[in-house]
Amino acid sequence: CTTLFSGNLEKPHRQYYNHRMNEWILPNNRLWLLLFSLLFGHSVSAEEFTLTPGWNLLTPSVSDTQALNKLDAIDGVKRIFSYGSSDKRWHYYDFQRGIGDLTTLTPLQAVWVQSTTSASLQLDGDSAPQNGDRELLYPGWNLITLNESESSSETRSRLAAVDEGMALETLLYYDGSQWGVPSTEQSLTTGTPLWVAM
């Protein structure tokens, strides 16, 4: 395979030459993520989110350094809010005005995105580690993304074991339209947004 970069230098366009068909082809992005993962031992993943008009609660689980640039490139995305568990305040970025203190997305930290149009967003990068959701917990309220599919009682036990000096006081989950308290044996799936009070 021969590699050719065409287009401008800011956004290289990678193509590969198919000798059998005597033509240039563009590789499948997901295939290259898998190949990279196998070759270099990283758990690289791609995840896609659908934005709708209004506020969207996104639950990224990969480390994509270009996440904010990708959001900025979508016409209609106005602003994004992320709750900082460590400093207990909301961080934001206003794409229309170009102001705000949010500079990156943290894997497993749920974020609110305001959009005026429907669009899709793909994030690519290293997957969050197992129990990575526990690493985001601090005393007080925390807005995180569940990293395991399990019952709510298992979630409570796992998150409560984060630190001997902290106890889990309240667990709320988002079902796509409202927040609620899960029943003891209710199943919670990977990617479920959680408000956790420690």
Protein backbone atom coordinates (compact mmCIF):
# COMPACT_ATOMS: atom_id res chain seq x y z
CA CYS A 1 0.00 0.00 0.00
CA THR A 2 1.21 3.49 -0.84
CA THR A 3 0.02 6.46 1.19
CA LEU A 4 -0.97 9.75 -0.40
CA PHE A 5 -2.00 12.90 1.41
CA SER A 6 -4.02 15.27 -0.72
CA GLY A 7 -5.89 18.47 0.07
CA ASN A 8 -4.62 21.24 2.32
CA LEU A 9 -2.10 20.70 5.09
CA GLU A 10 -4.52 21.64 7.85
CA LYS A 11 -6.92 18.78 7.06
CA PRO A 12 -4.98 15.97 5.35
CA HIS A 13 -7.04 13.52 3.34
CA ARG A 14 -5.56 10.03 3.58
CA GLN A 15 -6.02 7.68 0.64
CA TYR A 16 -4.57 4.30 -0.31
CA TYR A 17 -3.81 2.94 -3.76
CA ASN A 18 -5.58 -0.25 -4.79
CA HIS A 19 -3.17 -1.85 -7.29
CA ARG A 20 -5.67 -4.51 -8.36
CA MET A 21 -8.39 -2.00 -9.22
CA ASN A 22 -5.88 0.67 -10.32
CA GLU A 23 -7.59 3.37 -8.27
CA TRP A 24 -7.26 5.36 -5.08
CA ILE A 25 -9.56 4.32 -2.23
CA LEU A 26 -10.47 5.84 1.14
CA PRO A 27 -10.23 3.35 4.03
CA ASN A 28 -13.08 2.77 6.46
CA ASN A 29 -12.48 4.87 9.59
CA ARG A 30 -13.74 2.17 11.98
CA LEU A 31 -11.46 -0.41 10.35
CA TRP A 32 -8.42 1.78 11.01
CA LEU A 33 -9.47 2.28 14.63
CA LEU A 34 -9.61 -1.49 15.07
CA LEU A 35 -6.25 -1.97 13.33
CA PHE A 36 -4.63 0.72 15.50
CA SER A 37 -6.05 -0.95 18.61
CA LEU A 38 -4.66 -4.36 17.61
CA LEU A 39 -1.23 -3.04 16.62
CA PHE A 40 -0.57 -0.72 19.54
CA GLY A 41 -2.53 -2.35 22.35
CA HIS A 42 -4.89 0.58 22.94
CA SER A 43 -8.61 0.13 23.37
CA VAL A 44 -9.67 2.56 20.64
CA SER A 45 -13.37 3.03 20.04
CA ALA A 46 -15.78 5.11 18.02
CA GLU A 47 -19.18 6.17 19.33
CA GLU A 48 -21.92 8.14 17.65
CA PHE A 49 -24.47 10.48 19.18
CA THR A 50 -27.61 11.91 17.62
CA LEU A 51 -28.33 15.55 18.39
CA THR A 52 -31.89 16.86 18.26
CA PRO A 53 -33.19 20.43 18.56
CA GLY A 54 -33.04 21.51 22.19
CA TRP A 55 -30.85 20.22 25.00
CA ASN A 56 -29.06 16.89 24.57
CA LEU A 57 -27.42 14.95 27.40
CA LEU A 58 -24.36 13.23 25.91
CA THR A 59 -22.40 10.49 27.66
CA PRO A 60 -18.98 10.21 25.98
CA SER A 61 -16.85 7.25 27.04
CA VAL A 62 -13.86 7.85 24.78
CA SER A 63 -11.06 10.40 24.93
CA ASP A 64 -11.45 12.47 21.76
CA THR A 65 -9.21 15.55 21.85
CA GLN A 66 -11.12 16.98 18.87
CA ALA A 67 -14.58 16.66 20.45
CA LEU A 68 -15.18 20.41 20.84
CA ASN A 69 -13.90 21.10 17.31
CA LYS A 70 -16.29 18.47 15.97
CA LEU A 71 -19.18 20.09 17.83
CA ASP A 72 -18.13 23.53 16.60
CA ALA A 73 -18.23 22.25 13.01
CA ILE A 74 -21.91 21.32 13.32
CA ASP A 75 -24.24 24.12 12.25
CA GLY A 76 -26.79 24.72 14.96
CA VAL A 77 -24.74 23.69 17.99
CA LYS A 78 -24.86 26.69 20.31
CA ARG A 79 -23.27 25.79 23.64
CA ILE A 80 -22.12 22.98 25.92
CA PHE A 81 -22.17 22.63 29.71
CA SER A 82 -20.19 20.22 31.90
CA TYR A 83 -20.44 19.92 35.68
CA GLY A 84 -17.06 19.86 37.40
CA SER A 85 -17.17 17.30 40.19
CA SER A 86 -13.93 18.53 41.77
CA ASP A 87 -14.79 22.25 41.92
CA LYS A 88 -18.60 21.89 42.07
CA ARG A 89 -19.45 24.35 39.33
CA TRP A 90 -20.66 24.33 35.73
CA HIS A 91 -18.11 24.83 32.97
CA TYR A 92 -19.29 25.89 29.52
CA TYR A 93 -18.36 26.91 26.03
CA ASP A 94 -20.49 29.14 23.82
CA PHE A 95 -19.70 28.25 20.20
CA GLN A 96 -21.51 31.26 18.72
CA ARG A 97 -19.70 33.83 20.85
CA GLY A 98 -16.43 31.90 21.15
CA ILE A 99 -16.21 32.21 24.94
CA GLY A 100 -16.14 29.84 27.89
CA ASP A 101 -13.79 27.87 30.12
CA LEU A 102 -14.58 24.34 28.89
CA THR A 103 -11.67 23.23 26.71
CA THR A 104 -12.03 19.43 26.57
CA LEU A 105 -14.47 16.61 27.27
CA THR A 106 -13.63 14.14 30.03
CA PRO A 107 -14.59 10.55 29.26
CA LEU A 108 -17.54 9.34 31.40
CA GLN A 109 -18.44 12.89 32.41
CA ALA A 110 -21.92 13.59 31.02
CA VAL A 111 -22.40 16.92 29.23
CA TRP A 112 -25.37 19.00 28.07
CA VAL A 113 -25.26 20.23 24.46
CA GLN A 114 -27.72 22.80 23.08
CA SER A 115 -28.51 22.50 19.38
CA THR A 116 -31.03 24.11 17.05
CA THR A 117 -30.84 21.34 14.45
CA SER A 118 -30.65 17.56 14.18
CA ALA A 119 -27.16 16.19 13.54
CA SER A 120 -24.86 13.28 14.30
CA LEU A 121 -21.59 13.46 16.21
CA GLN A 122 -18.90 10.77 16.10
CA LEU A 123 -16.20 10.65 18.76
CA ASP A 124 -13.07 8.52 18.37
CA GLY A 125 -10.36 7.71 20.87
CA ASP A 126 -9.14 5.56 23.72
CA SER A 127 -11.93 3.94 25.72
CA ALA A 128 -12.33 4.87 29.38
CA PRO A 129 -10.81 2.31 31.78
CA GLN A 130 -12.93 -0.15 33.70
CA ASN A 131 -14.39 1.54 36.78
CA GLY A 132 -13.40 4.87 35.22
CA ASP A 133 -16.71 6.31 36.41
CA ARG A 134 -15.59 5.84 40.03
CA GLU A 135 -12.48 7.92 39.39
CA LEU A 136 -14.68 10.97 38.73
CA LEU A 137 -16.37 10.89 42.14
CA TYR A 138 -15.72 13.60 44.73
CA PRO A 139 -17.61 14.56 47.91
CA GLY A 140 -20.89 16.24 46.94
CA TRP A 141 -22.76 15.93 43.66
CA ASN A 142 -21.20 14.36 40.55
CA LEU A 143 -22.61 14.11 36.99
CA ILE A 144 -21.10 10.96 35.47
CA THR A 145 -21.72 8.24 32.91
CA LEU A 146 -22.21 4.63 34.01
CA ASN A 147 -19.35 2.49 32.71
CA GLU A 148 -20.86 -0.94 33.46
CA SER A 149 -24.18 -2.63 32.65
CA GLU A 150 -25.47 -3.83 36.01
CA SER A 151 -28.32 -3.61 38.49
CA SER A 152 -28.71 -0.40 40.46
CA SER A 153 -27.74 -2.25 43.67
CA GLU A 154 -24.50 -3.36 42.01
CA THR A 155 -23.91 0.21 40.84
CA ARG A 156 -24.42 1.50 44.38
CA SER A 157 -22.00 -1.05 45.84
CA ARG A 158 -19.34 -0.45 43.18
CA LEU A 159 -19.47 3.35 43.37
CA ALA A 160 -19.59 3.31 47.18
CA ALA A 161 -16.27 1.43 47.24
CA VAL A 162 -14.39 4.33 45.67
CA ASP A 163 -13.05 5.69 48.97
CA GLU A 164 -13.37 4.62 52.60
CA GLY A 165 -13.94 8.24 53.59
CA MET A 166 -16.97 8.68 51.29
CA ALA A 167 -20.39 7.07 51.32
CA LEU A 168 -22.92 7.05 48.50
CA GLU A 169 -25.91 9.11 49.63
CA THR A 170 -28.06 9.55 46.50
CA LEU A 171 -28.16 7.91 43.07
CA LEU A 172 -30.29 9.35 40.25
CA TYR A 173 -30.45 8.12 36.67
CA TYR A 174 -31.70 9.75 33.46
CA ASP A 175 -34.10 7.75 31.28
CA GLY A 176 -33.97 10.08 28.28
CA SER A 177 -36.69 12.44 29.49
CA GLN A 178 -36.46 12.77 33.27
CA TRP A 179 -34.36 11.99 36.34
CA GLY A 180 -35.45 9.36 38.83
CA VAL A 181 -34.37 7.03 41.62
CA PRO A 182 -33.79 3.50 40.28
CA SER A 183 -35.42 0.58 42.06
CA THR A 184 -33.09 -1.82 43.86
CA GLU A 185 -32.79 -4.42 41.10
CA GLN A 186 -33.46 -2.14 38.14
CA SER A 187 -31.06 -2.76 35.26
CA LEU A 188 -28.86 0.16 34.30
CA THR A 189 -26.97 0.02 31.02
CA THR A 190 -23.55 1.29 30.02
CA GLY A 191 -23.84 4.95 29.04
CA THR A 192 -26.63 5.82 31.49
CA PRO A 193 -26.21 9.37 32.88
CA LEU A 194 -26.06 9.49 36.69
CA TRP A 195 -26.22 12.17 39.34
CA VAL A 196 -24.32 10.74 42.32
CA ALA A 197 -24.11 12.41 45.73
CA MET A 198 -21.22 11.26 47.90
